[in-house]
Amino acid sequence: MTQYMLAVHDDGSDPYAPDELQTVYDTVDKFNQQLQADGYWVFGGGLKPIEAATTVDATGDDVITTDGPFAESKEYLGGFWIIEAPDLDAALKIATEASKACRGAVEVRPFDAE
């Protein structure tokens, strides 16, 4: 089984009315439970808004910490799942259900096992 990251992209807009947001949370929770029941779940979670990010750069002589993301972007990572699936086709099928559950685009990337 290969591990894949299913990354939920967020464009920073607030596309849900307050009553819709709870529906999305409930749908994602149901999806998470199904992933666990089917044996694909490794772990996953939603992330705080991009304003909560801190970037740490220790590539030079000094450690530099900066409030905010590493790069300015219109989109950012809003949450993710790490799954184990037998192949890319299975991961893409799971990502399709993930996208429906969270009502957002989901990127699929295999882990580098080498």
N, C-alpha and C. Protein backbone atom coordinates (compact mmCIF):
# COMPACT_ATOMS: atom_id res chain seq x y z
N MET A 1 0.85 -1.18 0.00
CA MET A 1 0.00 0.00 0.00
C MET A 1 0.90 1.24 0.00
N THR A 2 0.51 2.21 -0.78
CA THR A 2 1.23 3.47 -0.88
C THR A 2 0.50 4.53 -0.05
N GLN A 3 1.27 5.40 0.59
CA GLN A 3 0.64 6.51 1.30
C GLN A 3 0.52 7.70 0.35
N TYR A 4 -0.61 8.38 0.46
CA TYR A 4 -0.90 9.57 -0.34
C TYR A 4 -1.36 10.68 0.59
N MET A 5 -1.01 11.90 0.20
CA MET A 5 -1.58 13.06 0.87
C MET A 5 -2.70 13.60 -0.02
N LEU A 6 -3.86 13.77 0.57
CA LEU A 6 -4.97 14.43 -0.10
C LEU A 6 -5.04 15.82 0.50
N ALA A 7 -4.65 16.83 -0.26
CA ALA A 7 -4.55 18.20 0.23
C ALA A 7 -5.75 19.01 -0.22
N VAL A 8 -6.40 19.65 0.74
CA VAL A 8 -7.56 20.49 0.45
C VAL A 8 -7.08 21.91 0.22
N HIS A 9 -7.38 22.45 -0.94
CA HIS A 9 -6.97 23.81 -1.26
C HIS A 9 -8.06 24.79 -0.84
N ASP A 10 -7.63 25.90 -0.28
CA ASP A 10 -8.54 26.94 0.20
C ASP A 10 -8.13 28.24 -0.48
N ASP A 11 -9.10 28.94 -1.04
CA ASP A 11 -8.78 30.20 -1.73
C ASP A 11 -8.92 31.42 -0.83
N GLY A 12 -9.17 31.19 0.46
CA GLY A 12 -9.25 32.31 1.40
C GLY A 12 -10.61 32.96 1.47
N SER A 13 -11.51 32.61 0.57
CA SER A 13 -12.85 33.18 0.64
C SER A 13 -13.65 32.41 1.70
N ASP A 14 -14.77 32.93 2.07
CA ASP A 14 -15.65 32.26 3.02
C ASP A 14 -16.91 31.84 2.27
N PRO A 15 -16.86 30.67 1.58
CA PRO A 15 -17.93 30.32 0.66
C PRO A 15 -19.20 29.79 1.33
N TYR A 16 -19.17 29.57 2.64
CA TYR A 16 -20.30 28.96 3.29
C TYR A 16 -21.06 29.94 4.17
N ALA A 17 -22.36 29.82 4.13
CA ALA A 17 -23.19 30.51 5.11
C ALA A 17 -23.00 29.78 6.44
N PRO A 18 -23.21 30.46 7.57
CA PRO A 18 -22.98 29.80 8.87
C PRO A 18 -23.69 28.46 9.03
N ASP A 19 -24.89 28.34 8.54
CA ASP A 19 -25.61 27.07 8.67
C ASP A 19 -25.05 25.99 7.74
N GLU A 20 -24.42 26.37 6.64
CA GLU A 20 -23.81 25.40 5.72
C GLU A 20 -22.52 24.83 6.29
N LEU A 21 -21.79 25.62 7.04
CA LEU A 21 -20.49 25.19 7.56
C LEU A 21 -20.64 23.95 8.44
N GLN A 22 -21.64 23.92 9.29
CA GLN A 22 -21.85 22.74 10.13
C GLN A 22 -22.17 21.52 9.28
N THR A 23 -22.90 21.71 8.20
CA THR A 23 -23.21 20.61 7.29
C THR A 23 -21.93 20.06 6.67
N VAL A 24 -21.02 20.94 6.26
CA VAL A 24 -19.73 20.50 5.70
C VAL A 24 -18.94 19.73 6.76
N TYR A 25 -18.86 20.25 7.98
CA TYR A 25 -18.15 19.55 9.07
C TYR A 25 -18.74 18.15 9.28
N ASP A 26 -20.06 18.06 9.29
CA ASP A 26 -20.71 16.77 9.50
C ASP A 26 -20.42 15.81 8.35
N THR A 27 -20.43 16.32 7.13
CA THR A 27 -20.15 15.48 5.96
C THR A 27 -18.71 14.99 5.96
N VAL A 28 -17.79 15.87 6.31
CA VAL A 28 -16.38 15.47 6.38
C VAL A 28 -16.17 14.46 7.51
N ASP A 29 -16.83 14.65 8.63
CA ASP A 29 -16.72 13.70 9.74
C ASP A 29 -17.21 12.31 9.31
N LYS A 30 -18.31 12.27 8.59
CA LYS A 30 -18.84 11.00 8.08
C LYS A 30 -17.85 10.37 7.10
N PHE A 31 -17.26 11.19 6.23
CA PHE A 31 -16.25 10.71 5.29
C PHE A 31 -15.05 10.14 6.05
N ASN A 32 -14.59 10.85 7.09
CA ASN A 32 -13.46 10.38 7.89
C ASN A 32 -13.77 9.03 8.53
N GLN A 33 -14.96 8.88 9.06
CA GLN A 33 -15.35 7.61 9.67
C GLN A 33 -15.34 6.48 8.65
N GLN A 34 -15.78 6.78 7.42
CA GLN A 34 -15.78 5.75 6.37
C GLN A 34 -14.35 5.38 5.98
N LEU A 35 -13.46 6.39 5.88
CA LEU A 35 -12.05 6.09 5.59
C LEU A 35 -11.47 5.14 6.64
N GLN A 36 -11.78 5.41 7.90
CA GLN A 36 -11.28 4.56 8.98
C GLN A 36 -11.86 3.16 8.88
N ALA A 37 -13.16 3.06 8.65
CA ALA A 37 -13.82 1.76 8.55
C ALA A 37 -13.27 0.94 7.38
N ASP A 38 -12.91 1.62 6.28
CA ASP A 38 -12.40 0.93 5.09
C ASP A 38 -10.90 0.64 5.16
N GLY A 39 -10.23 1.13 6.21
CA GLY A 39 -8.81 0.85 6.40
C GLY A 39 -7.86 1.74 5.61
N TYR A 40 -8.34 2.86 5.07
CA TYR A 40 -7.48 3.77 4.31
C TYR A 40 -6.86 4.87 5.19
N TRP A 41 -7.49 5.19 6.29
CA TRP A 41 -7.12 6.31 7.15
C TRP A 41 -5.74 6.10 7.78
N VAL A 42 -4.87 7.10 7.69
CA VAL A 42 -3.65 7.15 8.48
C VAL A 42 -3.83 8.29 9.50
N PHE A 43 -4.03 9.51 9.01
CA PHE A 43 -4.44 10.63 9.85
C PHE A 43 -4.82 11.79 8.95
N GLY A 44 -5.38 12.82 9.53
CA GLY A 44 -5.77 13.99 8.76
C GLY A 44 -6.30 15.06 9.68
N GLY A 45 -6.54 16.23 9.10
CA GLY A 45 -7.10 17.31 9.90
C GLY A 45 -7.21 18.59 9.11
N GLY A 46 -8.02 19.48 9.65
CA GLY A 46 -8.14 20.82 9.10
C GLY A 46 -7.11 21.73 9.75
N LEU A 47 -6.76 22.77 9.06
CA LEU A 47 -5.76 23.71 9.56
C LEU A 47 -6.39 25.06 9.87
N LYS A 48 -5.81 25.75 10.84
CA LYS A 48 -6.24 27.11 11.16
C LYS A 48 -6.01 27.99 9.94
N PRO A 49 -6.65 29.17 9.87
CA PRO A 49 -6.44 30.07 8.73
C PRO A 49 -4.97 30.43 8.55
N ILE A 50 -4.63 30.83 7.35
CA ILE A 50 -3.24 31.12 6.98
C ILE A 50 -2.60 32.18 7.88
N GLU A 51 -3.41 33.05 8.45
CA GLU A 51 -2.88 34.08 9.35
C GLU A 51 -2.25 33.48 10.60
N ALA A 52 -2.56 32.23 10.91
CA ALA A 52 -2.00 31.57 12.09
C ALA A 52 -0.64 30.93 11.80
N ALA A 53 -0.19 30.96 10.56
CA ALA A 53 1.07 30.32 10.18
C ALA A 53 2.27 31.13 10.67
N THR A 54 3.35 30.41 10.97
CA THR A 54 4.65 31.01 11.26
C THR A 54 5.68 30.25 10.43
N THR A 55 6.55 30.97 9.75
CA THR A 55 7.60 30.36 8.95
C THR A 55 8.92 30.43 9.70
N VAL A 56 9.63 29.32 9.76
CA VAL A 56 10.93 29.24 10.42
C VAL A 56 11.98 28.93 9.36
N ASP A 57 13.02 29.77 9.29
CA ASP A 57 14.12 29.58 8.34
C ASP A 57 15.43 29.49 9.11
N ALA A 58 15.97 28.27 9.16
CA ALA A 58 17.23 28.04 9.86
C ALA A 58 18.32 27.64 8.88
N THR A 59 18.23 28.14 7.64
CA THR A 59 19.20 27.77 6.61
C THR A 59 20.47 28.59 6.69
N GLY A 60 20.45 29.69 7.41
CA GLY A 60 21.63 30.54 7.56
C GLY A 60 22.19 30.44 8.96
N ASP A 61 23.02 31.42 9.32
CA ASP A 61 23.62 31.44 10.65
C ASP A 61 22.60 31.76 11.74
N ASP A 62 21.58 32.53 11.39
CA ASP A 62 20.55 32.90 12.36
C ASP A 62 19.24 32.21 12.00
N VAL A 63 18.45 31.96 13.04
CA VAL A 63 17.11 31.43 12.83
C VAL A 63 16.17 32.62 12.68
N ILE A 64 15.45 32.63 11.57
CA ILE A 64 14.52 33.73 11.29
C ILE A 64 13.10 33.17 11.34
N THR A 65 12.27 33.77 12.19
CA THR A 65 10.85 33.39 12.22
C THR A 65 10.05 34.57 11.71
N THR A 66 9.08 34.24 10.88
CA THR A 66 8.24 35.26 10.25
C THR A 66 6.79 34.87 10.42
N ASP A 67 5.97 35.82 10.85
CA ASP A 67 4.53 35.57 10.91
C ASP A 67 4.01 35.43 9.49
N GLY A 68 3.20 34.41 9.28
CA GLY A 68 2.59 34.22 7.98
C GLY A 68 3.20 33.07 7.21
N PRO A 69 2.67 32.82 6.03
CA PRO A 69 3.09 31.67 5.22
C PRO A 69 4.46 31.89 4.58
N PHE A 70 5.03 30.80 4.10
CA PHE A 70 6.33 30.84 3.43
C PHE A 70 6.26 31.69 2.17
N ALA A 71 5.19 31.56 1.41
CA ALA A 71 5.04 32.29 0.15
C ALA A 71 3.65 32.92 0.08
N GLU A 72 3.57 34.07 -0.52
CA GLU A 72 2.27 34.70 -0.76
C GLU A 72 1.56 33.94 -1.87
N SER A 73 0.30 33.67 -1.67
CA SER A 73 -0.46 32.90 -2.65
C SER A 73 -1.94 33.20 -2.48
N LYS A 74 -2.68 33.05 -3.56
CA LYS A 74 -4.13 33.20 -3.47
C LYS A 74 -4.76 31.98 -2.84
N GLU A 75 -4.11 30.83 -2.96
CA GLU A 75 -4.61 29.60 -2.38
C GLU A 75 -3.60 29.07 -1.36
N TYR A 76 -4.10 28.32 -0.41
CA TYR A 76 -3.24 27.71 0.59
C TYR A 76 -3.84 26.40 1.05
N LEU A 77 -3.06 25.65 1.79
CA LEU A 77 -3.50 24.36 2.30
C LEU A 77 -4.47 24.59 3.46
N GLY A 78 -5.69 24.10 3.30
CA GLY A 78 -6.71 24.29 4.33
C GLY A 78 -6.87 23.08 5.23
N GLY A 79 -6.43 21.93 4.76
CA GLY A 79 -6.51 20.70 5.52
C GLY A 79 -5.99 19.56 4.67
N PHE A 80 -5.94 18.38 5.26
CA PHE A 80 -5.35 17.26 4.52
C PHE A 80 -5.77 15.94 5.15
N TRP A 81 -5.62 14.89 4.37
CA TRP A 81 -5.71 13.52 4.84
C TRP A 81 -4.44 12.82 4.39
N ILE A 82 -3.94 11.93 5.20
CA ILE A 82 -2.91 10.98 4.80
C ILE A 82 -3.61 9.63 4.77
N ILE A 83 -3.58 9.00 3.60
CA ILE A 83 -4.27 7.72 3.43
C ILE A 83 -3.28 6.67 2.93
N GLU A 84 -3.66 5.43 3.06
CA GLU A 84 -2.94 4.33 2.41
C GLU A 84 -3.91 3.70 1.42
N ALA A 85 -3.48 3.60 0.19
CA ALA A 85 -4.31 3.03 -0.86
C ALA A 85 -3.46 2.10 -1.73
N PRO A 86 -4.09 1.12 -2.35
CA PRO A 86 -3.32 0.16 -3.14
C PRO A 86 -2.67 0.74 -4.39
N ASP A 87 -3.27 1.82 -4.94
CA ASP A 87 -2.71 2.42 -6.14
C ASP A 87 -3.31 3.81 -6.35
N LEU A 88 -2.80 4.51 -7.37
CA LEU A 88 -3.26 5.87 -7.65
C LEU A 88 -4.74 5.91 -8.00
N ASP A 89 -5.22 4.93 -8.74
CA ASP A 89 -6.64 4.93 -9.10
C ASP A 89 -7.53 4.91 -7.85
N ALA A 90 -7.16 4.09 -6.88
CA ALA A 90 -7.93 4.03 -5.63
C ALA A 90 -7.83 5.36 -4.88
N ALA A 91 -6.63 5.95 -4.87
CA ALA A 91 -6.45 7.24 -4.19
C ALA A 91 -7.28 8.33 -4.86
N LEU A 92 -7.35 8.31 -6.18
CA LEU A 92 -8.16 9.30 -6.91
C LEU A 92 -9.65 9.12 -6.62
N LYS A 93 -10.08 7.89 -6.50
CA LYS A 93 -11.48 7.63 -6.16
C LYS A 93 -11.79 8.17 -4.76
N ILE A 94 -10.89 7.93 -3.83
CA ILE A 94 -11.06 8.45 -2.46
C ILE A 94 -11.05 9.97 -2.48
N ALA A 95 -10.15 10.56 -3.26
CA ALA A 95 -10.07 12.03 -3.36
C ALA A 95 -11.36 12.62 -3.93
N THR A 96 -12.00 11.89 -4.83
CA THR A 96 -13.27 12.36 -5.38
C THR A 96 -14.30 12.48 -4.26
N GLU A 97 -14.36 11.48 -3.41
CA GLU A 97 -15.28 11.53 -2.28
C GLU A 97 -14.88 12.61 -1.28
N ALA A 98 -13.58 12.79 -1.09
CA ALA A 98 -13.09 13.85 -0.20
C ALA A 98 -13.50 15.22 -0.71
N SER A 99 -13.36 15.44 -2.00
CA SER A 99 -13.73 16.72 -2.61
C SER A 99 -15.23 16.99 -2.44
N LYS A 100 -16.03 15.97 -2.63
CA LYS A 100 -17.48 16.12 -2.43
C LYS A 100 -17.77 16.46 -0.97
N ALA A 101 -17.09 15.78 -0.04
CA ALA A 101 -17.36 15.97 1.38
C ALA A 101 -16.99 17.38 1.85
N CYS A 102 -15.83 17.86 1.41
CA CYS A 102 -15.37 19.18 1.90
C CYS A 102 -15.76 20.32 0.98
N ARG A 103 -16.36 19.98 -0.17
CA ARG A 103 -16.80 20.97 -1.15
C ARG A 103 -15.64 21.85 -1.63
N GLY A 104 -14.51 21.20 -1.88
CA GLY A 104 -13.34 21.93 -2.37
C GLY A 104 -12.46 21.03 -3.21
N ALA A 105 -11.51 21.64 -3.90
CA ALA A 105 -10.55 20.90 -4.71
C ALA A 105 -9.59 20.14 -3.80
N VAL A 106 -9.24 18.93 -4.21
CA VAL A 106 -8.33 18.09 -3.44
C VAL A 106 -7.20 17.63 -4.35
N GLU A 107 -5.98 17.93 -3.94
CA GLU A 107 -4.79 17.49 -4.67
C GLU A 107 -4.33 16.15 -4.12
N VAL A 108 -3.94 15.22 -5.00
CA VAL A 108 -3.46 13.90 -4.60
C VAL A 108 -1.97 13.81 -4.90
N ARG A 109 -1.17 13.49 -3.86
CA ARG A 109 0.28 13.33 -4.07
C ARG A 109 0.77 12.12 -3.31
N PRO A 110 1.47 11.22 -4.01
CA PRO A 110 2.04 10.06 -3.31
C PRO A 110 3.28 10.49 -2.51
N PHE A 111 3.52 9.79 -1.42
CA PHE A 111 4.74 10.01 -0.67
C PHE A 111 5.90 9.42 -1.45
N ASP A 112 7.06 10.02 -1.30
CA ASP A 112 8.27 9.54 -1.94
C ASP A 112 8.83 8.42 -1.07
N ALA A 113 8.66 7.19 -1.51
CA ALA A 113 9.07 6.03 -0.70
C ALA A 113 10.53 5.65 -0.92
N GLU A 114 11.20 6.36 -1.77
CA GLU A 114 12.60 6.00 -2.07
C GLU A 114 13.55 6.66 -1.14
